[in-house]
Amino acid sequence: MIIRMSYIVLRFLLMCITMYYRGDDDMSISIRMNEKELELIKKYAELNGSTVSEVMRKAILEKIEDEFDIFLYEKAFKAYEQNSKTYTIEEAKSLLGIK
């Protein structure tokens, strides 16, 4: 089954990304950038023994992971601010019944 979506245009930094979803875990992404940006990415990929696709995939996933980590940190910090009670290791072991 092939699912076709009309163009979805996303803005990622200063680049325009157009995503085409074809279904079955097959995704093709077209990124428009100027020659200077493309040359920088190509040189980076070459220096690291990688492909442009792998460099872009890794950069996008790392950005998402970083933002998710920040979200979780902020959520945990808010919970800590509401209840800042802390325990020593010995107190925690005692409360949990650990010897």
C-alpha atoms as a PDB file:
ATOM      1  CA  MET A   1       0.000   0.000   0.000  1.00  0.00           C
ATOM      2  CA  ILE A   2       1.461   3.287  -1.031  1.00  0.00           C
ATOM      3  CA  ILE A   3       0.334   6.312   0.863  1.00  0.00           C
ATOM      4  CA  ARG A   4       0.978   9.593  -0.890  1.00  0.00           C
ATOM      5  CA  MET A   5       0.901  12.851   0.943  1.00  0.00           C
ATOM      6  CA  SER A   6       0.929  16.212  -0.714  1.00  0.00           C
ATOM      7  CA  TYR A   7       4.042  18.236  -0.160  1.00  0.00           C
ATOM      8  CA  ILE A   8       4.742  19.054   3.450  1.00  0.00           C
ATOM      9  CA  VAL A   9       7.051  21.991   3.719  1.00  0.00           C
ATOM     10  CA  LEU A  10       8.981  22.347   6.941  1.00  0.00           C
ATOM     11  CA  ARG A  11      11.478  24.960   7.905  1.00  0.00           C
ATOM     12  CA  PHE A  12      14.644  23.589   9.515  1.00  0.00           C
ATOM     13  CA  LEU A  13      17.073  26.365  10.375  1.00  0.00           C
ATOM     14  CA  LEU A  14      17.430  28.373   7.158  1.00  0.00           C
ATOM     15  CA  MET A  15      16.767  25.439   4.829  1.00  0.00           C
ATOM     16  CA  CYS A  16      13.506  24.513   3.194  1.00  0.00           C
ATOM     17  CA  ILE A  17      12.743  20.829   3.550  1.00  0.00           C
ATOM     18  CA  THR A  18      10.154  19.098   1.405  1.00  0.00           C
ATOM     19  CA  MET A  19       9.106  15.643   2.583  1.00  0.00           C
ATOM     20  CA  TYR A  20       7.526  12.993   0.389  1.00  0.00           C
ATOM     21  CA  TYR A  21       6.084  10.029   2.263  1.00  0.00           C
ATOM     22  CA  ARG A  22       5.763   6.846   0.252  1.00  0.00           C
ATOM     23  CA  GLY A  23       4.749   4.388   2.981  1.00  0.00           C
ATOM     24  CA  ASP A  24       6.359   1.123   4.112  1.00  0.00           C
ATOM     25  CA  ASP A  25       9.179   2.903   6.006  1.00  0.00           C
ATOM     26  CA  ASP A  26      10.403   4.418   2.732  1.00  0.00           C
ATOM     27  CA  MET A  27      10.857   8.156   3.098  1.00  0.00           C
ATOM     28  CA  SER A  28      12.598  10.487   0.727  1.00  0.00           C
ATOM     29  CA  ILE A  29      13.467  14.005   1.844  1.00  0.00           C
ATOM     30  CA  SER A  30      14.515  16.767  -0.502  1.00  0.00           C
ATOM     31  CA  ILE A  31      16.377  19.702   1.040  1.00  0.00           C
ATOM     32  CA  ARG A  32      16.930  22.953  -0.818  1.00  0.00           C
ATOM     33  CA  MET A  33      20.060  24.881   0.105  1.00  0.00           C
ATOM     34  CA  ASN A  34      22.588  27.123  -1.514  1.00  0.00           C
ATOM     35  CA  GLU A  35      25.853  25.825  -2.980  1.00  0.00           C
ATOM     36  CA  LYS A  36      27.938  27.039  -0.020  1.00  0.00           C
ATOM     37  CA  GLU A  37      25.816  25.073   2.476  1.00  0.00           C
ATOM     38  CA  LEU A  38      25.848  21.971   0.287  1.00  0.00           C
ATOM     39  CA  GLU A  39      29.615  22.124  -0.174  1.00  0.00           C
ATOM     40  CA  LEU A  40      30.093  22.417   3.602  1.00  0.00           C
ATOM     41  CA  ILE A  41      27.937  19.336   4.209  1.00  0.00           C
ATOM     42  CA  LYS A  42      29.703  17.359   1.469  1.00  0.00           C
ATOM     43  CA  LYS A  43      33.140  18.207   2.885  1.00  0.00           C
ATOM     44  CA  TYR A  44      32.003  17.296   6.402  1.00  0.00           C
ATOM     45  CA  ALA A  45      30.667  13.953   5.171  1.00  0.00           C
ATOM     46  CA  GLU A  46      33.894  13.240   3.278  1.00  0.00           C
ATOM     47  CA  LEU A  47      36.078  14.111   6.276  1.00  0.00           C
ATOM     48  CA  ASN A  48      34.053  11.735   8.437  1.00  0.00           C
ATOM     49  CA  GLY A  49      33.869   8.898   5.911  1.00  0.00           C
ATOM     50  CA  SER A  50      30.119   9.236   5.639  1.00  0.00           C
ATOM     51  CA  THR A  51      27.471  10.099   3.089  1.00  0.00           C
ATOM     52  CA  VAL A  52      25.504  13.322   2.858  1.00  0.00           C
ATOM     53  CA  SER A  53      22.336  11.346   3.640  1.00  0.00           C
ATOM     54  CA  GLU A  54      23.858   9.882   6.797  1.00  0.00           C
ATOM     55  CA  VAL A  55      25.169  13.282   7.928  1.00  0.00           C
ATOM     56  CA  MET A  56      21.728  14.857   7.463  1.00  0.00           C
ATOM     57  CA  ARG A  57      19.893  11.946   9.116  1.00  0.00           C
ATOM     58  CA  LYS A  58      22.255  12.028  12.097  1.00  0.00           C
ATOM     59  CA  ALA A  59      22.028  15.822  12.475  1.00  0.00           C
ATOM     60  CA  ILE A  60      18.222  15.804  12.403  1.00  0.00           C
ATOM     61  CA  LEU A  61      17.910  12.914  14.867  1.00  0.00           C
ATOM     62  CA  GLU A  62      20.483  14.433  17.246  1.00  0.00           C
ATOM     63  CA  LYS A  63      18.584  17.748  17.175  1.00  0.00           C
ATOM     64  CA  ILE A  64      15.329  15.962  18.039  1.00  0.00           C
ATOM     65  CA  GLU A  65      17.018  13.954  20.820  1.00  0.00           C
ATOM     66  CA  ASP A  66      18.615  17.106  22.272  1.00  0.00           C
ATOM     67  CA  GLU A  67      15.289  18.938  22.351  1.00  0.00           C
ATOM     68  CA  PHE A  68      13.585  15.920  23.922  1.00  0.00           C
ATOM     69  CA  ASP A  69      16.316  15.763  26.599  1.00  0.00           C
ATOM     70  CA  ILE A  70      15.787  19.455  27.355  1.00  0.00           C
ATOM     71  CA  PHE A  71      12.019  18.880  27.606  1.00  0.00           C
ATOM     72  CA  LEU A  72      12.528  16.006  30.068  1.00  0.00           C
ATOM     73  CA  TYR A  73      15.027  18.022  32.112  1.00  0.00           C
ATOM     74  CA  GLU A  74      12.639  20.970  32.375  1.00  0.00           C
ATOM     75  CA  LYS A  75       9.800  18.664  33.407  1.00  0.00           C
ATOM     76  CA  ALA A  76      11.952  16.962  36.057  1.00  0.00           C
ATOM     77  CA  PHE A  77      13.248  20.297  37.351  1.00  0.00           C
ATOM     78  CA  LYS A  78       9.696  21.635  37.738  1.00  0.00           C
ATOM     79  CA  ALA A  79       8.781  18.507  39.713  1.00  0.00           C
ATOM     80  CA  TYR A  80      11.883  18.998  41.874  1.00  0.00           C
ATOM     81  CA  GLU A  81      10.959  22.639  42.525  1.00  0.00           C
ATOM     82  CA  GLN A  82       7.517  21.535  43.726  1.00  0.00           C
ATOM     83  CA  ASN A  83       9.003  18.899  46.047  1.00  0.00           C
ATOM     84  CA  SER A  84      12.690  19.450  46.718  1.00  0.00           C
ATOM     85  CA  LYS A  85      12.980  16.841  49.470  1.00  0.00           C
ATOM     86  CA  THR A  86      16.192  14.904  49.003  1.00  0.00           C
ATOM     87  CA  TYR A  87      17.551  11.795  50.697  1.00  0.00           C
ATOM     88  CA  THR A  88      20.979  10.465  51.476  1.00  0.00           C
ATOM     89  CA  ILE A  89      21.905   7.092  50.008  1.00  0.00           C
ATOM     90  CA  GLU A  90      21.406   5.471  53.411  1.00  0.00           C
ATOM     91  CA  GLU A  91      17.959   7.062  53.817  1.00  0.00           C
ATOM     92  CA  ALA A  92      16.934   5.925  50.333  1.00  0.00           C
ATOM     93  CA  LYS A  93      18.121   2.357  51.018  1.00  0.00           C
ATOM     94  CA  SER A  94      16.183   2.315  54.271  1.00  0.00           C
ATOM     95  CA  LEU A  95      12.991   3.635  52.645  1.00  0.00           C
ATOM     96  CA  LEU A  96      13.284   1.062  49.842  1.00  0.00           C
ATOM     97  CA  GLY A  97      14.200  -1.814  52.162  1.00  0.00           C
ATOM     98  CA  ILE A  98      17.611  -2.295  50.570  1.00  0.00           C
ATOM     99  CA  LYS A  99      20.538  -3.416  52.678  1.00  0.00           C
END
